[in-house]
Amino acid sequence: MPNAVSVHQPSPRDPHSQTDKPGFRDYHRAMKPHEMMRIQPRPVATLQPQSRKLHIPNLLTLSRVVLAIVFVALLGSVTTRALKADPTGVDRLGDLSHASTAVLVTAAAIFIIAALTDALDGHLARKWKAVSKLGRIMDPFADKVLVLGGFIMLAGPGFTSVAEGVGRMQVSGIAGWMAVAMVARELLVTSIRGVYEGEGVDFSAGVTGKAKMVLQSVAVPLILLIVAFGNPGPDTHMRTLVVALAWATTFVTIFSALPYIGRAVQHSIEQQRKLIQAFGPAKTRKPTVTPSPKEKAKTRERARGGQGGKRK
């Protein structure tokens, strides 16, 4: 049996192929090597440094969450002793023991570092245009854990001492109701922004909101250092400074919520007005009266008489 002869059949061409179009091959044959280099895609390696920059703000935000957790845990380990009327080199008014003093200094340093990362990650995100959904969620979360956690712990039993002739007192100057007021403010503003920003209303932080954040970032570490190294006992200058910081921070925090409430009320009034205009009562129309047969006949006669007069 003779060997079968294999016949090579060309594969059908793809009608959508760019290489089969007229002039495509001639154009690329005529191109010079340096012109071919211009149309080559960028290598992936040149895009890596830029992509790494996009992750730096999020990494700073996540690191601030970790620092906030460590900060709250350190404040939870603070223990106080009874205040004494006559301070000495070992037992001061509001003395916290040497171990707790070191803890307070460490906590103050961690708070300052976390506050600096808050300013840095926002600056880098705007500069490199790396604003992401993860950052928008975790950034305020980290701020709330750091600041509110600090005030809650300062109002806790770890900073409560017993002074001779005075009784129980809060060495930090932060009362329990102050911490509750700050938490309530944050919950209210967060709810308002979540609802109205979804409708396109601008609720970005104003002057009062930024002042609140700056004052809180200064008050927490300053109170910690005063309690650690100062003399915050009754009728002392340090006690006056601590109480003044606590009251000023509480007042500014509560006052900073008023602009958000005002914008929310104004937007709600405008929306209500638009709804009333769109679905309000329809305009009253005059009732149509159907003429009687006699009136219709008189109308016809008048019309005929008018036509006859015109003909004459």
Protein backbone atom coordinates (compact mmCIF):
# COMPACT_ATOMS: atom_id res chain seq x y z
CA MET A 1 0.00 0.00 0.00
CA PRO A 2 1.53 3.31 -1.03
CA ASN A 3 2.44 5.80 1.64
CA ALA A 4 -0.15 8.51 2.19
CA VAL A 5 1.02 11.90 1.12
CA SER A 6 0.28 14.56 3.73
CA VAL A 7 -0.97 17.75 2.27
CA HIS A 8 -0.40 20.89 4.37
CA GLN A 9 -3.52 23.01 4.51
CA PRO A 10 -3.19 26.55 5.75
CA SER A 11 -5.21 27.39 8.90
CA PRO A 12 -8.14 29.69 8.37
CA ARG A 13 -7.39 33.30 9.14
CA ASP A 14 -9.04 35.13 11.94
CA PRO A 15 -11.18 37.87 10.38
CA HIS A 16 -10.60 40.03 13.51
CA SER A 17 -6.81 39.62 13.50
CA GLN A 18 -4.93 42.94 13.30
CA THR A 19 -2.00 41.35 11.42
CA ASP A 20 -4.21 40.42 8.45
CA LYS A 21 -5.37 43.96 7.85
CA PRO A 22 -3.96 45.68 4.78
CA GLY A 23 -0.81 47.67 5.45
CA PHE A 24 -0.19 46.34 9.00
CA ARG A 25 2.84 44.21 8.12
CA ASP A 26 4.25 46.80 5.73
CA TYR A 27 3.93 49.50 8.43
CA HIS A 28 5.82 47.50 11.07
CA ARG A 29 8.47 46.40 8.53
CA ALA A 30 9.09 50.07 7.74
CA MET A 31 9.44 51.04 11.42
CA LYS A 32 12.92 51.61 12.77
CA PRO A 33 14.19 49.85 15.92
CA HIS A 34 14.08 52.98 18.09
CA GLU A 35 10.49 53.57 16.99
CA MET A 36 9.58 50.02 17.97
CA MET A 37 10.96 50.67 21.47
CA ARG A 38 8.53 53.55 21.95
CA ILE A 39 5.47 51.36 21.62
CA GLN A 40 6.77 48.63 23.93
CA PRO A 41 4.77 48.31 27.19
CA ARG A 42 6.35 49.54 30.39
CA PRO A 43 8.08 46.88 32.42
CA VAL A 44 6.34 45.86 35.61
CA ALA A 45 9.41 46.65 37.70
CA THR A 46 9.08 50.41 37.06
CA LEU A 47 5.58 50.39 38.55
CA GLN A 48 6.53 48.70 41.81
CA PRO A 49 7.87 51.76 43.70
CA GLN A 50 4.70 53.73 42.96
CA SER A 51 2.50 50.81 44.05
CA ARG A 52 4.46 50.52 47.28
CA LYS A 53 3.79 54.16 48.08
CA LEU A 54 0.06 53.53 47.91
CA HIS A 55 0.29 51.09 50.84
CA ILE A 56 2.31 53.31 53.19
CA PRO A 57 -0.66 55.43 54.47
CA ASN A 58 -2.68 52.28 55.20
CA LEU A 59 0.27 50.69 57.00
CA LEU A 60 0.64 53.81 59.17
CA THR A 61 -3.08 53.70 59.98
CA LEU A 62 -2.94 50.02 60.96
CA SER A 63 0.14 50.67 63.08
CA ARG A 64 -1.81 53.39 64.89
CA VAL A 65 -4.52 50.86 65.73
CA VAL A 66 -1.89 48.61 67.30
CA LEU A 67 -0.40 51.55 69.22
CA ALA A 68 -3.86 52.53 70.48
CA ILE A 69 -4.47 49.02 71.83
CA VAL A 70 -1.08 48.99 73.58
CA PHE A 71 -1.77 52.48 74.98
CA VAL A 72 -5.10 51.46 76.51
CA ALA A 73 -3.58 48.26 77.91
CA LEU A 74 -0.80 50.25 79.63
CA LEU A 75 -3.27 52.64 81.25
CA GLY A 76 -5.23 49.65 82.50
CA SER A 77 -2.21 48.50 84.52
CA VAL A 78 -1.83 51.79 86.43
CA THR A 79 -2.46 51.65 90.19
CA THR A 80 -2.58 54.55 92.64
CA ARG A 81 -1.92 54.85 96.34
CA ALA A 82 -3.38 57.03 99.08
CA LEU A 83 -2.59 60.73 98.78
CA LYS A 84 -0.60 62.21 101.63
CA ALA A 85 -0.83 65.71 103.01
CA ASP A 86 2.94 66.14 103.33
CA PRO A 87 4.82 65.19 100.16
CA THR A 88 8.24 63.59 100.55
CA GLY A 89 10.86 62.41 98.14
CA VAL A 90 9.29 58.97 97.99
CA ASP A 91 5.57 59.50 98.54
CA ARG A 92 4.25 62.52 96.66
CA LEU A 93 0.71 63.80 96.52
CA GLY A 94 -0.90 61.53 93.98
CA ASP A 95 2.05 59.18 94.05
CA LEU A 96 1.60 56.24 91.66
CA SER A 97 4.61 54.16 92.68
CA HIS A 98 7.73 53.97 90.54
CA ALA A 99 6.41 51.15 88.34
CA SER A 100 3.24 53.04 87.41
CA THR A 101 5.22 56.21 86.77
CA ALA A 102 7.28 54.41 84.12
CA VAL A 103 4.08 53.02 82.63
CA LEU A 104 2.57 56.51 82.38
CA VAL A 105 5.65 57.90 80.66
CA THR A 106 5.64 55.02 78.18
CA ALA A 107 1.92 55.49 77.52
CA ALA A 108 2.41 59.22 76.93
CA ALA A 109 5.21 58.51 74.44
CA ILE A 110 3.07 55.96 72.58
CA PHE A 111 0.19 58.44 72.40
CA ILE A 112 2.44 61.15 70.93
CA ILE A 113 3.83 58.75 68.31
CA ALA A 114 0.33 57.61 67.36
CA ALA A 115 -0.86 61.21 67.04
CA LEU A 116 2.08 62.00 64.73
CA THR A 117 1.24 59.02 62.51
CA ASP A 118 -2.32 60.37 62.28
CA ALA A 119 -1.06 63.61 60.77
CA LEU A 120 1.49 61.83 58.58
CA ASP A 121 -0.75 59.22 56.95
CA GLY A 122 -3.35 61.82 55.99
CA HIS A 123 -0.69 64.05 54.43
CA LEU A 124 0.85 61.19 52.45
CA ALA A 125 -2.53 59.90 51.29
CA ARG A 126 -3.44 63.31 49.85
CA LYS A 127 0.02 63.90 48.40
CA TRP A 128 0.28 60.54 46.65
CA LYS A 129 -3.46 60.32 45.88
CA ALA A 130 -3.62 57.07 47.82
CA VAL A 131 -6.95 57.59 49.56
CA SER A 132 -8.59 54.17 49.91
CA LYS A 133 -11.73 52.73 51.48
CA LEU A 134 -9.64 50.85 54.03
CA GLY A 135 -7.99 54.08 55.10
CA ARG A 136 -11.28 55.96 55.33
CA ILE A 137 -12.65 53.25 57.63
CA MET A 138 -9.62 52.50 59.79
CA ASP A 139 -8.37 56.08 60.22
CA PRO A 140 -11.34 57.36 62.29
CA PHE A 141 -11.53 54.00 64.05
CA ALA A 142 -7.92 54.30 65.20
CA ASP A 143 -8.50 57.89 66.34
CA LYS A 144 -11.54 56.94 68.42
CA VAL A 145 -9.79 54.00 70.09
CA LEU A 146 -6.76 56.14 70.92
CA VAL A 147 -8.48 59.30 72.18
CA LEU A 148 -11.68 57.93 73.68
CA GLY A 149 -9.85 54.96 75.14
CA GLY A 150 -7.45 57.36 76.81
CA PHE A 151 -10.19 59.50 78.38
CA ILE A 152 -12.15 56.45 79.51
CA MET A 153 -9.10 55.02 81.25
CA LEU A 154 -8.27 58.40 82.82
CA ALA A 155 -11.76 58.41 84.33
CA GLY A 156 -11.36 54.86 85.61
CA PRO A 157 -10.44 53.47 89.03
CA GLY A 158 -6.73 53.35 88.18
CA PHE A 159 -6.56 57.12 88.55
CA THR A 160 -8.70 57.36 91.69
CA SER A 161 -6.96 58.10 94.97
CA VAL A 162 -7.97 58.81 98.55
CA ALA A 163 -6.73 62.11 100.00
CA GLU A 164 -6.61 62.86 103.71
CA GLY A 165 -9.36 65.30 104.60
CA VAL A 166 -10.79 65.21 101.05
CA GLY A 167 -11.76 61.62 100.42
CA ARG A 168 -11.80 59.97 97.02
CA MET A 169 -10.68 62.13 94.11
CA GLN A 170 -9.81 61.63 90.48
CA VAL A 171 -6.11 62.38 90.09
CA SER A 172 -6.45 62.85 86.32
CA GLY A 173 -9.25 65.43 86.67
CA ILE A 174 -11.41 63.48 84.20
CA ALA A 175 -14.79 62.65 85.73
CA GLY A 176 -16.90 59.77 84.51
CA TRP A 177 -19.55 62.03 82.96
CA MET A 178 -16.86 63.79 80.91
CA ALA A 179 -15.84 60.53 79.26
CA VAL A 180 -19.51 59.69 78.61
CA ALA A 181 -20.08 63.12 77.03
CA MET A 182 -17.10 62.65 74.70
CA VAL A 183 -18.23 59.19 73.63
CA ALA A 184 -21.79 60.48 73.04
CA ARG A 185 -20.46 63.32 70.90
CA GLU A 186 -18.45 60.96 68.71
CA LEU A 187 -21.37 58.57 68.27
CA LEU A 188 -23.71 61.41 67.31
CA VAL A 189 -21.34 63.02 64.81
CA THR A 190 -20.43 59.66 63.27
CA SER A 191 -24.13 58.83 62.79
CA ILE A 192 -24.87 62.24 61.25
CA ARG A 193 -21.96 62.00 58.83
CA GLY A 194 -22.82 58.45 57.85
CA VAL A 195 -26.42 59.36 56.96
CA TYR A 196 -26.01 62.73 55.30
CA GLU A 197 -22.74 62.14 53.46
CA GLY A 198 -24.51 59.25 51.73
CA GLU A 199 -26.91 61.88 50.36
CA GLY A 200 -24.06 64.02 49.02
CA VAL A 201 -23.88 66.55 51.87
CA ASP A 202 -20.40 67.76 52.80
CA PHE A 203 -19.67 67.03 56.46
CA SER A 204 -15.90 67.41 56.44
CA ALA A 205 -14.24 68.53 59.65
CA GLY A 206 -14.38 72.28 60.26
CA VAL A 207 -12.39 74.59 62.50
CA THR A 208 -14.07 73.39 65.69
CA GLY A 209 -13.52 69.74 64.80
CA LYS A 210 -9.82 70.29 64.15
CA ALA A 211 -9.47 72.35 67.34
CA LYS A 212 -11.11 69.53 69.27
CA MET A 213 -8.66 66.97 67.88
CA VAL A 214 -5.63 69.16 68.62
CA LEU A 215 -6.76 69.88 72.19
CA GLN A 216 -7.46 66.20 72.89
CA SER A 217 -4.07 65.21 71.47
CA VAL A 218 -2.36 67.72 73.78
CA ALA A 219 -4.47 67.12 76.89
CA VAL A 220 -4.06 63.34 77.20
CA PRO A 221 -0.24 63.11 77.24
CA LEU A 222 0.07 66.31 79.28
CA ILE A 223 -2.27 64.97 81.99
CA LEU A 224 -0.33 61.69 82.04
CA LEU A 225 2.98 63.48 82.51
CA ILE A 226 1.56 65.77 85.21
CA VAL A 227 0.20 62.80 87.11
CA ALA A 228 3.52 60.96 86.70
CA PHE A 229 5.93 63.74 87.68
CA GLY A 230 3.82 66.51 89.16
CA ASN A 231 1.84 67.03 92.33
CA PRO A 232 -1.87 66.85 91.40
CA GLY A 233 -3.06 66.78 95.00
CA PRO A 234 -5.72 69.03 96.51
CA ASP A 235 -5.11 72.80 96.48
CA THR A 236 -2.04 72.62 94.23
CA HIS A 237 -1.15 74.38 90.98
CA MET A 238 -0.80 71.05 89.20
CA ARG A 239 -4.29 70.07 90.34
CA THR A 240 -5.65 73.34 88.95
CA LEU A 241 -3.91 72.76 85.62
CA VAL A 242 -5.20 69.18 85.34
CA VAL A 243 -8.79 70.20 86.10
CA ALA A 244 -8.59 73.14 83.66
CA LEU A 245 -7.38 70.81 80.89
CA ALA A 246 -10.16 68.34 81.61
CA TRP A 247 -12.92 70.97 81.55
CA ALA A 248 -11.56 72.77 78.46
CA THR A 249 -11.27 69.51 76.50
CA THR A 250 -14.80 68.46 77.49
CA PHE A 251 -16.30 71.83 76.57
CA VAL A 252 -14.57 72.06 73.18
CA THR A 253 -15.49 68.45 72.39
CA ILE A 254 -19.19 69.05 73.08
CA PHE A 255 -19.19 72.45 71.32
CA SER A 256 -17.57 70.98 68.19
CA ALA A 257 -20.71 68.88 67.59
CA LEU A 258 -22.95 71.94 67.13
CA PRO A 259 -21.88 72.73 63.51
CA TYR A 260 -22.66 69.15 62.47
CA ILE A 261 -26.08 69.31 64.15
CA GLY A 262 -26.80 72.68 62.50
CA ARG A 263 -25.93 71.43 59.01
CA ALA A 264 -28.00 68.29 59.55
CA VAL A 265 -31.04 70.31 60.66
CA GLN A 266 -30.65 72.74 57.75
CA HIS A 267 -30.43 69.91 55.23
CA SER A 268 -33.48 68.18 56.76
CA ILE A 269 -35.54 71.40 56.51
CA GLU A 270 -34.57 71.81 52.85
CA GLN A 271 -35.46 68.20 52.08
CA GLN A 272 -38.81 68.59 53.83
CA ARG A 273 -39.56 71.73 51.83
CA LYS A 274 -38.78 69.96 48.56
CA LEU A 275 -41.05 67.06 49.50
CA ILE A 276 -43.90 69.45 50.29
CA GLN A 277 -43.47 71.19 46.95
CA ALA A 278 -43.34 67.90 45.07
CA PHE A 279 -46.18 66.06 46.82
CA GLY A 280 -48.20 68.96 48.21
CA PRO A 281 -51.95 69.52 47.59
CA ALA A 282 -52.92 70.18 43.97
CA LYS A 283 -54.17 73.60 42.95
CA THR A 284 -57.95 73.99 43.25
CA ARG A 285 -59.76 74.36 39.97
CA LYS A 286 -63.00 76.20 39.42
CA PRO A 287 -65.94 73.80 39.01
CA THR A 288 -67.25 73.59 35.46
CA VAL A 289 -70.99 74.35 35.12
CA THR A 290 -72.89 72.47 32.39
CA PRO A 291 -75.29 74.85 30.56
CA SER A 292 -78.97 73.95 30.40
CA PRO A 293 -80.79 73.25 27.06
CA LYS A 294 -82.35 76.76 27.09
CA GLU A 295 -78.99 78.41 27.54
CA LYS A 296 -77.60 76.31 24.70
CA ALA A 297 -80.47 77.41 22.44
CA LYS A 298 -79.91 81.07 23.30
CA THR A 299 -76.21 80.69 22.57
CA ARG A 300 -77.00 79.23 19.15
CA GLU A 301 -79.43 82.04 18.31
CA ARG A 302 -76.84 84.62 19.29
CA ALA A 303 -74.28 82.92 17.12
CA ARG A 304 -76.67 82.82 14.14
CA GLY A 305 -77.66 86.46 14.61
CA GLY A 306 -74.03 87.47 14.67
CA GLN A 307 -73.32 85.58 11.44
CA GLY A 308 -76.39 87.15 9.74
CA GLY A 309 -75.28 90.64 10.76
CA LYS A 310 -71.86 90.03 9.28
CA ARG A 311 -73.41 88.89 6.01
CA LYS A 312 -75.51 92.01 5.73
